[in-house]
Structure formats: C-alpha cells, structure tokens
Amino acid sequence: ASLAEATAYCADLDVAGLSDWELPTAIELVSIVDHGKSAPSINTIAFPASLSALFWTSSPSIAQVSTVWAVSFNLGDTTEIGDPTTLGTVYVRCVRRPTMSQIRRRFVATEDTVTDAATGLVWQRRLVDATYTLDDARTLCDDLSLGGSDEWRLPGATELRTLVDESRWNASIDEAVFPGTASEAFWTSTSLILATGQVWSVDFSKGTVTPADHGSPHRVRCVH
C-alpha cells in the first residue's frame, strides 16, 4: 500500500462496530515491537499471523523532507521512507486512540526525575555530560541513587524510544522536560537477537533505533 492508501484503509476500517481507526504514529507502532523476537519482532500470540515486514506510520521525519517513519517487524528497527518508496511493499496496522477525556498530562517533572503517566516509568532527568561503554552504563544505573530510589537500571529499547518527540530533532525530545539532552545515541539494555555483542541504541538526533557495539561511547539515561 502507499501512504495515502494506508491512511484511507484505516479511516474506512470498521472492526466490531468500531470505526475510529487511524494510522499509528511511530511511537505507537514501536510500542508493540518485541525486541526479544525476530522475524517477526512482535508477540505473535497477541498479534497472530504478523509479517516480518515494513509498516507505515503517520509520523513525518522532521530531519528528512518528504519522508515518514516506518517500522520494520523483522528486527524492530525504524527507518525513514518516501512515498512512493523503493523498498517494496509496505504494510499497515491501524490503531484506536483514547478520547480527549481519557488523556492526562503526560510528564510530571521534579528537579531530578520525570514520571511518565503514559508508561508509569520514572526517568533520570538531568544527565552527566559524558559517554560510556555498555558495561559502564549498566554500572552507572545500577549504582544510581536518585529521587529516593536506588532501583535504577538501563532502559529497554522500546522504553527509551517512548521518549522520542517526533516533532523535534537535534534533540528529538521535549527539552523543557529533559533539559540538556545530547543529540547522540543512548544505550539500551536490549540485545540484538541475530548479532552477538550488539545491543540497540536510540539516537536522539532524530529518534532512530540502531545497533551498537558494547564498547561504543554512548550516552546514558537511567529508568526505574
């Protein structure tokens, strides 16, 4: 399907008497990626007969004109694609969103932490201006005592990707909530299934999810 066809398909969809379906944003679609699986990288019990393929999102790339984000359910990575695309068939999975009355203020920030009402996660707000190897990043989070908690850890790839603000780049995050965030790659704890010695990282220059070697110098934001 083209992007226009995918958008129209969701707008016309009627399932179990529900007709308010839309094309998902990149954040919404990434939220169902299971990085512990590959080909497809999704829970196939919850989503049976899922394809190891590229799926459209409604999120335009701010960094690259005339492209939108797509999510690959082969490994769970994200990529920018044009419309039309030269990458072959791109598929669609539609979503329904909460009504406005169900939407709460998302982020609640203190001096040291940010609580995300959408996920229930608590994030380290202010960061050390330094890069770390993966082992050092894990140690940093394990040893962190902040906001009355010592249960900090390195986030998973899907968790960290939820902080990406698709309307921004350099840095692709709400800097009023997360000040001083570098437009660089940040570590996650999620290993690549098909590549020993690599984990996923999230690049906050524009929000891409990419592989990283354990010894690479990356930034760290802890979570609990």
C-alpha atoms as a PDB file:
ATOM      1  CA  ALA A   1       0.000   0.000   0.000  1.00  0.00           C
ATOM      2  CA  SER A   2       1.026   3.619  -0.500  1.00  0.00           C
ATOM      3  CA  LEU A   3       0.893   6.034   2.426  1.00  0.00           C
ATOM      4  CA  ALA A   4      -2.363   7.500   1.112  1.00  0.00           C
ATOM      5  CA  GLU A   5      -3.858   4.021   0.703  1.00  0.00           C
ATOM      6  CA  ALA A   6      -2.755   3.038   4.212  1.00  0.00           C
ATOM      7  CA  THR A   7      -4.287   6.195   5.685  1.00  0.00           C
ATOM      8  CA  ALA A   8      -7.538   5.652   3.793  1.00  0.00           C
ATOM      9  CA  TYR A   9      -7.676   1.983   4.797  1.00  0.00           C
ATOM     10  CA  CYS A  10      -7.546   2.881   8.497  1.00  0.00           C
ATOM     11  CA  ALA A  11     -10.083   5.691   8.093  1.00  0.00           C
ATOM     12  CA  ASP A  12     -12.525   3.259   6.411  1.00  0.00           C
ATOM     13  CA  LEU A  13     -11.894   0.342   8.779  1.00  0.00           C
ATOM     14  CA  ASP A  14     -14.803  -0.996  10.842  1.00  0.00           C
ATOM     15  CA  VAL A  15     -13.994  -3.735  13.378  1.00  0.00           C
ATOM     16  CA  ALA A  16     -16.582  -4.983  15.876  1.00  0.00           C
ATOM     17  CA  GLY A  17     -18.658  -1.865  15.266  1.00  0.00           C
ATOM     18  CA  LEU A  18     -15.716   0.469  15.932  1.00  0.00           C
ATOM     19  CA  SER A  19     -14.825   2.850  13.130  1.00  0.00           C
ATOM     20  CA  ASP A  20     -12.457   5.418  14.697  1.00  0.00           C
ATOM     21  CA  TRP A  21      -9.253   3.763  13.455  1.00  0.00           C
ATOM     22  CA  GLU A  22      -6.161   5.699  12.385  1.00  0.00           C
ATOM     23  CA  LEU A  23      -2.682   5.099  11.032  1.00  0.00           C
ATOM     24  CA  PRO A  24      -0.379   4.852  14.083  1.00  0.00           C
ATOM     25  CA  THR A  25       2.404   7.246  14.913  1.00  0.00           C
ATOM     26  CA  ALA A  26       5.932   5.847  15.083  1.00  0.00           C
ATOM     27  CA  ILE A  27       5.829   5.844  18.886  1.00  0.00           C
ATOM     28  CA  GLU A  28       2.536   3.943  18.893  1.00  0.00           C
ATOM     29  CA  LEU A  29       3.764   1.310  16.444  1.00  0.00           C
ATOM     30  CA  VAL A  30       7.140   0.877  18.148  1.00  0.00           C
ATOM     31  CA  SER A  31       5.281   0.215  21.413  1.00  0.00           C
ATOM     32  CA  ILE A  32       4.262  -3.248  20.140  1.00  0.00           C
ATOM     33  CA  VAL A  33       7.758  -4.252  18.972  1.00  0.00           C
ATOM     34  CA  ASP A  34       9.216  -7.183  20.914  1.00  0.00           C
ATOM     35  CA  HIS A  35      12.996  -6.901  20.649  1.00  0.00           C
ATOM     36  CA  GLY A  36      13.311 -10.331  22.222  1.00  0.00           C
ATOM     37  CA  LYS A  37      11.987 -11.845  18.994  1.00  0.00           C
ATOM     38  CA  SER A  38      12.827 -11.586  15.312  1.00  0.00           C
ATOM     39  CA  ALA A  39      11.121 -12.332  12.019  1.00  0.00           C
ATOM     40  CA  PRO A  40       8.682 -11.115  13.247  1.00  0.00           C
ATOM     41  CA  SER A  41       9.731  -8.961  16.201  1.00  0.00           C
ATOM     42  CA  ILE A  42       6.286  -8.977  17.813  1.00  0.00           C
ATOM     43  CA  ASN A  43       4.262 -11.092  20.234  1.00  0.00           C
ATOM     44  CA  THR A  44       2.637 -13.500  17.785  1.00  0.00           C
ATOM     45  CA  ILE A  45       0.146 -14.724  20.392  1.00  0.00           C
ATOM     46  CA  ALA A  46      -1.273 -11.212  20.774  1.00  0.00           C
ATOM     47  CA  PHE A  47      -0.776 -10.429  17.066  1.00  0.00           C
ATOM     48  CA  PRO A  48      -1.117 -13.728  15.157  1.00  0.00           C
ATOM     49  CA  ALA A  49      -0.048 -14.064  11.502  1.00  0.00           C
ATOM     50  CA  SER A  50       2.106 -10.922  11.768  1.00  0.00           C
ATOM     51  CA  LEU A  51       4.517 -10.271   8.921  1.00  0.00           C
ATOM     52  CA  SER A  52       8.278  -9.713   9.114  1.00  0.00           C
ATOM     53  CA  ALA A  53       7.823  -6.605   7.030  1.00  0.00           C
ATOM     54  CA  LEU A  54       7.915  -2.823   6.919  1.00  0.00           C
ATOM     55  CA  PHE A  55       4.834  -0.971   8.232  1.00  0.00           C
ATOM     56  CA  TRP A  56       3.722   2.620   7.616  1.00  0.00           C
ATOM     57  CA  THR A  57       3.355   5.207  10.375  1.00  0.00           C
ATOM     58  CA  SER A  58       1.770   8.658  10.189  1.00  0.00           C
ATOM     59  CA  SER A  59       4.875  10.360  11.618  1.00  0.00           C
ATOM     60  CA  PRO A  60       6.771  12.598   9.197  1.00  0.00           C
ATOM     61  CA  SER A  61      10.524  12.781   9.531  1.00  0.00           C
ATOM     62  CA  ILE A  62      11.495  16.286  10.612  1.00  0.00           C
ATOM     63  CA  ALA A  63      15.096  15.716   9.510  1.00  0.00           C
ATOM     64  CA  GLN A  64      14.370  14.390   6.020  1.00  0.00           C
ATOM     65  CA  VAL A  65      11.822  16.205   3.862  1.00  0.00           C
ATOM     66  CA  SER A  66       9.044  14.198   2.154  1.00  0.00           C
ATOM     67  CA  THR A  67       9.619  11.049   4.200  1.00  0.00           C
ATOM     68  CA  VAL A  68       7.778   9.368   7.059  1.00  0.00           C
ATOM     69  CA  TRP A  69       8.898   6.872   9.682  1.00  0.00           C
ATOM     70  CA  ALA A  70       8.302   3.193   9.078  1.00  0.00           C
ATOM     71  CA  VAL A  71       8.842   0.301  11.482  1.00  0.00           C
ATOM     72  CA  SER A  72      10.407  -2.985  10.382  1.00  0.00           C
ATOM     73  CA  PHE A  73       8.996  -6.008  12.173  1.00  0.00           C
ATOM     74  CA  ASN A  74      11.908  -8.141  11.019  1.00  0.00           C
ATOM     75  CA  LEU A  75      14.224  -6.850  13.774  1.00  0.00           C
ATOM     76  CA  GLY A  76      12.167  -3.956  15.182  1.00  0.00           C
ATOM     77  CA  ASP A  77      14.227  -1.055  13.834  1.00  0.00           C
ATOM     78  CA  THR A  78      12.893   2.202  12.391  1.00  0.00           C
ATOM     79  CA  THR A  79      13.674   3.874   9.088  1.00  0.00           C
ATOM     80  CA  GLU A  80      12.650   6.900   7.044  1.00  0.00           C
ATOM     81  CA  ILE A  81      10.917   6.128   3.742  1.00  0.00           C
ATOM     82  CA  GLY A  82       9.476   8.181   0.918  1.00  0.00           C
ATOM     83  CA  ASP A  83       6.106   7.828  -0.738  1.00  0.00           C
ATOM     84  CA  PRO A  84       6.281   6.168  -3.154  1.00  0.00           C
ATOM     85  CA  THR A  85       9.068   4.010  -1.746  1.00  0.00           C
ATOM     86  CA  THR A  86      11.643   1.847  -3.487  1.00  0.00           C
ATOM     87  CA  LEU A  87      11.730  -0.623  -0.561  1.00  0.00           C
ATOM     88  CA  GLY A  88       8.947  -2.863  -1.860  1.00  0.00           C
ATOM     89  CA  THR A  89       5.586  -3.490  -0.215  1.00  0.00           C
ATOM     90  CA  VAL A  90       4.878  -1.542   2.966  1.00  0.00           C
ATOM     91  CA  TYR A  91       2.040  -2.824   5.147  1.00  0.00           C
ATOM     92  CA  VAL A  92      -0.407  -1.202   7.557  1.00  0.00           C
ATOM     93  CA  ARG A  93      -1.693  -1.901  11.071  1.00  0.00           C
ATOM     94  CA  CYS A  94      -4.326   0.525  12.371  1.00  0.00           C
ATOM     95  CA  VAL A  95      -4.856   1.834  15.907  1.00  0.00           C
ATOM     96  CA  ARG A  96      -7.570   3.440  18.036  1.00  0.00           C
ATOM     97  CA  ARG A  97      -6.611   6.234  20.426  1.00  0.00           C
ATOM     98  CA  PRO A  98      -8.027   7.350  23.783  1.00  0.00           C
ATOM     99  CA  THR A  99     -10.620  10.088  23.754  1.00  0.00           C
ATOM    100  CA  MET A 100      -9.530  13.538  24.908  1.00  0.00           C
ATOM    101  CA  SER A 101     -11.269  12.987  28.251  1.00  0.00           C
ATOM    102  CA  GLN A 102      -9.007   9.978  28.858  1.00  0.00           C
ATOM    103  CA  ILE A 103      -5.748  11.815  28.132  1.00  0.00           C
ATOM    104  CA  ARG A 104      -3.858  13.104  31.160  1.00  0.00           C
ATOM    105  CA  ARG A 105      -0.864  15.365  31.487  1.00  0.00           C
ATOM    106  CA  ARG A 106       1.934  13.042  30.421  1.00  0.00           C
ATOM    107  CA  PHE A 107       5.127  14.174  32.168  1.00  0.00           C
ATOM    108  CA  VAL A 108       5.488  15.215  35.805  1.00  0.00           C
ATOM    109  CA  ALA A 109       8.970  16.585  36.467  1.00  0.00           C
ATOM    110  CA  THR A 110      10.863  17.252  39.681  1.00  0.00           C
ATOM    111  CA  GLU A 111      14.397  18.587  39.903  1.00  0.00           C
ATOM    112  CA  ASP A 112      15.909  15.117  39.489  1.00  0.00           C
ATOM    113  CA  THR A 113      13.261  12.821  37.950  1.00  0.00           C
ATOM    114  CA  VAL A 114      10.452  12.694  35.397  1.00  0.00           C
ATOM    115  CA  THR A 115       7.423  10.431  35.816  1.00  0.00           C
ATOM    116  CA  ASP A 116       5.727   9.386  32.556  1.00  0.00           C
ATOM    117  CA  ALA A 117       1.987   8.963  33.168  1.00  0.00           C
ATOM    118  CA  ALA A 118       1.635   7.096  29.852  1.00  0.00           C
ATOM    119  CA  THR A 119       4.014   4.277  30.807  1.00  0.00           C
ATOM    120  CA  GLY A 120       4.392   4.525  34.589  1.00  0.00           C
ATOM    121  CA  LEU A 121       8.175   4.757  34.216  1.00  0.00           C
ATOM    122  CA  VAL A 122      10.318   7.171  36.211  1.00  0.00           C
ATOM    123  CA  TRP A 123      13.272   8.666  34.329  1.00  0.00           C
ATOM    124  CA  GLN A 124      16.508  10.322  35.331  1.00  0.00           C
ATOM    125  CA  ARG A 125      16.002  13.955  34.338  1.00  0.00           C
ATOM    126  CA  ARG A 126      19.448  15.570  34.324  1.00  0.00           C
ATOM    127  CA  LEU A 127      22.406  13.710  32.865  1.00  0.00           C
ATOM    128  CA  VAL A 128      26.149  13.611  33.321  1.00  0.00           C
ATOM    129  CA  ASP A 129      27.831  15.171  30.274  1.00  0.00           C
ATOM    130  CA  ALA A 130      29.845  12.064  29.389  1.00  0.00           C
ATOM    131  CA  THR A 131      29.773   8.912  27.272  1.00  0.00           C
ATOM    132  CA  TYR A 132      30.129   5.329  28.486  1.00  0.00           C
ATOM    133  CA  THR A 133      30.675   1.803  27.248  1.00  0.00           C
ATOM    134  CA  LEU A 134      27.733  -0.552  27.744  1.00  0.00           C
ATOM    135  CA  ASP A 135      29.230  -2.150  30.867  1.00  0.00           C
ATOM    136  CA  ASP A 136      29.961   1.245  32.395  1.00  0.00           C
ATOM    137  CA  ALA A 137      26.441   2.432  31.522  1.00  0.00           C
ATOM    138  CA  ARG A 138      24.917  -0.547  33.320  1.00  0.00           C
ATOM    139  CA  THR A 139      27.122   0.079  36.352  1.00  0.00           C
ATOM    140  CA  LEU A 140      26.174   3.767  36.389  1.00  0.00           C
ATOM    141  CA  CYS A 141      22.463   2.952  36.509  1.00  0.00           C
ATOM    142  CA  ASP A 142      22.875   0.080  38.982  1.00  0.00           C
ATOM    143  CA  ASP A 143      24.760   2.372  41.365  1.00  0.00           C
ATOM    144  CA  LEU A 144      22.499   5.409  40.936  1.00  0.00           C
ATOM    145  CA  SER A 145      20.583   6.692  43.955  1.00  0.00           C
ATOM    146  CA  LEU A 146      18.199   9.471  42.960  1.00  0.00           C
ATOM    147  CA  GLY A 147      14.778  10.765  43.864  1.00  0.00           C
ATOM    148  CA  GLY A 148      14.545   8.484  46.873  1.00  0.00           C
ATOM    149  CA  SER A 149      15.146   5.325  44.821  1.00  0.00           C
ATOM    150  CA  ASP A 150      18.137   3.046  44.270  1.00  0.00           C
ATOM    151  CA  GLU A 151      16.333   0.717  41.836  1.00  0.00           C
ATOM    152  CA  TRP A 152      17.596   2.390  38.676  1.00  0.00           C
ATOM    153  CA  ARG A 153      18.516   0.389  35.581  1.00  0.00           C
ATOM    154  CA  LEU A 154      19.361   0.794  31.905  1.00  0.00           C
ATOM    155  CA  PRO A 155      16.118   1.081  29.885  1.00  0.00           C
ATOM    156  CA  GLY A 156      14.941  -1.339  27.227  1.00  0.00           C
ATOM    157  CA  ALA A 157      14.836  -0.167  23.614  1.00  0.00           C
ATOM    158  CA  THR A 158      11.047   0.187  23.490  1.00  0.00           C
ATOM    159  CA  GLU A 159      11.040   2.054  26.812  1.00  0.00           C
ATOM    160  CA  LEU A 160      13.648   4.584  25.685  1.00  0.00           C
ATOM    161  CA  ARG A 161      12.018   5.056  22.281  1.00  0.00           C
ATOM    162  CA  THR A 162       8.833   6.279  24.020  1.00  0.00           C
ATOM    163  CA  LEU A 163      10.696   9.469  24.984  1.00  0.00           C
ATOM    164  CA  VAL A 164      11.324  10.443  21.353  1.00  0.00           C
ATOM    165  CA  ASP A 165       9.393  13.552  20.288  1.00  0.00           C
ATOM    166  CA  GLU A 166       8.723  13.108  16.586  1.00  0.00           C
ATOM    167  CA  SER A 167       8.069  16.832  16.084  1.00  0.00           C
ATOM    168  CA  ARG A 168      11.659  17.726  17.046  1.00  0.00           C
ATOM    169  CA  TRP A 169      15.194  16.876  16.020  1.00  0.00           C
ATOM    170  CA  ASN A 170      18.633  17.745  17.388  1.00  0.00           C
ATOM    171  CA  ALA A 171      17.397  16.774  20.019  1.00  0.00           C
ATOM    172  CA  SER A 172      14.248  14.732  19.339  1.00  0.00           C
ATOM    173  CA  ILE A 173      12.911  15.048  22.903  1.00  0.00           C
ATOM    174  CA  ASP A 174      10.967  17.594  24.953  1.00  0.00           C
ATOM    175  CA  GLU A 175      13.892  19.638  26.269  1.00  0.00           C
ATOM    176  CA  ALA A 176      11.701  21.553  28.718  1.00  0.00           C
ATOM    177  CA  VAL A 177      11.123  18.225  30.477  1.00  0.00           C
ATOM    178  CA  PHE A 178      14.543  16.673  29.749  1.00  0.00           C
ATOM    179  CA  PRO A 179      16.985  19.606  29.609  1.00  0.00           C
ATOM    180  CA  GLY A 180      20.473  19.205  28.202  1.00  0.00           C
ATOM    181  CA  THR A 181      19.772  16.002  26.269  1.00  0.00           C
ATOM    182  CA  ALA A 182      22.553  15.403  23.747  1.00  0.00           C
ATOM    183  CA  SER A 183      21.650  14.781  20.085  1.00  0.00           C
ATOM    184  CA  GLU A 184      23.521  11.484  20.251  1.00  0.00           C
ATOM    185  CA  ALA A 185      22.975   7.759  20.705  1.00  0.00           C
ATOM    186  CA  PHE A 186      21.843   6.472  24.115  1.00  0.00           C
ATOM    187  CA  TRP A 187      22.318   2.940  25.423  1.00  0.00           C
ATOM    188  CA  THR A 188      19.519   0.448  25.946  1.00  0.00           C
ATOM    189  CA  SER A 189      19.667  -2.955  27.634  1.00  0.00           C
ATOM    190  CA  THR A 190      18.094  -4.768  24.666  1.00  0.00           C
ATOM    191  CA  SER A 191      20.374  -7.175  22.801  1.00  0.00           C
ATOM    192  CA  LEU A 192      20.099  -7.851  19.094  1.00  0.00           C
ATOM    193  CA  ILE A 193      18.753 -11.345  18.532  1.00  0.00           C
ATOM    194  CA  LEU A 194      20.856 -12.039  15.444  1.00  0.00           C
ATOM    195  CA  ALA A 195      24.105 -10.249  16.365  1.00  0.00           C
ATOM    196  CA  THR A 196      26.262 -11.282  19.319  1.00  0.00           C
ATOM    197  CA  GLY A 197      27.979  -8.386  21.053  1.00  0.00           C
ATOM    198  CA  GLN A 198      25.496  -5.723  19.988  1.00  0.00           C
ATOM    199  CA  VAL A 199      22.553  -4.006  21.654  1.00  0.00           C
ATOM    200  CA  TRP A 200      20.009  -1.482  20.397  1.00  0.00           C
ATOM    201  CA  SER A 201      20.637   2.217  20.934  1.00  0.00           C
ATOM    202  CA  VAL A 202      18.314   5.187  20.441  1.00  0.00           C
ATOM    203  CA  ASP A 203      19.780   8.194  18.654  1.00  0.00           C
ATOM    204  CA  PHE A 204      18.176  11.408  19.915  1.00  0.00           C
ATOM    205  CA  SER A 205      19.356  13.440  16.949  1.00  0.00           C
ATOM    206  CA  LYS A 206      16.195  12.237  15.184  1.00  0.00           C
ATOM    207  CA  GLY A 207      14.907   9.224  17.116  1.00  0.00           C
ATOM    208  CA  THR A 208      16.299   6.268  15.175  1.00  0.00           C
ATOM    209  CA  VAL A 209      16.824   2.858  16.767  1.00  0.00           C
ATOM    210  CA  THR A 210      20.166   1.392  15.659  1.00  0.00           C
ATOM    211  CA  PRO A 211      22.602  -1.382  16.672  1.00  0.00           C
ATOM    212  CA  ALA A 212      25.678  -0.541  18.765  1.00  0.00           C
ATOM    213  CA  ASP A 213      28.792  -2.472  19.763  1.00  0.00           C
ATOM    214  CA  HIS A 214      29.320  -2.934  23.517  1.00  0.00           C
ATOM    215  CA  GLY A 215      32.464  -0.807  23.519  1.00  0.00           C
ATOM    216  CA  SER A 216      30.978   2.187  21.695  1.00  0.00           C
ATOM    217  CA  PRO A 217      30.899   5.536  23.534  1.00  0.00           C
ATOM    218  CA  HIS A 218      27.215   6.363  24.104  1.00  0.00           C
ATOM    219  CA  ARG A 219      25.114   8.455  26.454  1.00  0.00           C
ATOM    220  CA  VAL A 220      23.019   7.105  29.330  1.00  0.00           C
ATOM    221  CA  ARG A 221      19.593   7.893  30.785  1.00  0.00           C
ATOM    222  CA  CYS A 222      18.501   5.568  33.610  1.00  0.00           C
ATOM    223  CA  VAL A 223      14.971   4.467  34.461  1.00  0.00           C
ATOM    224  CA  HIS A 224      13.035   2.612  37.129  1.00  0.00           C
END
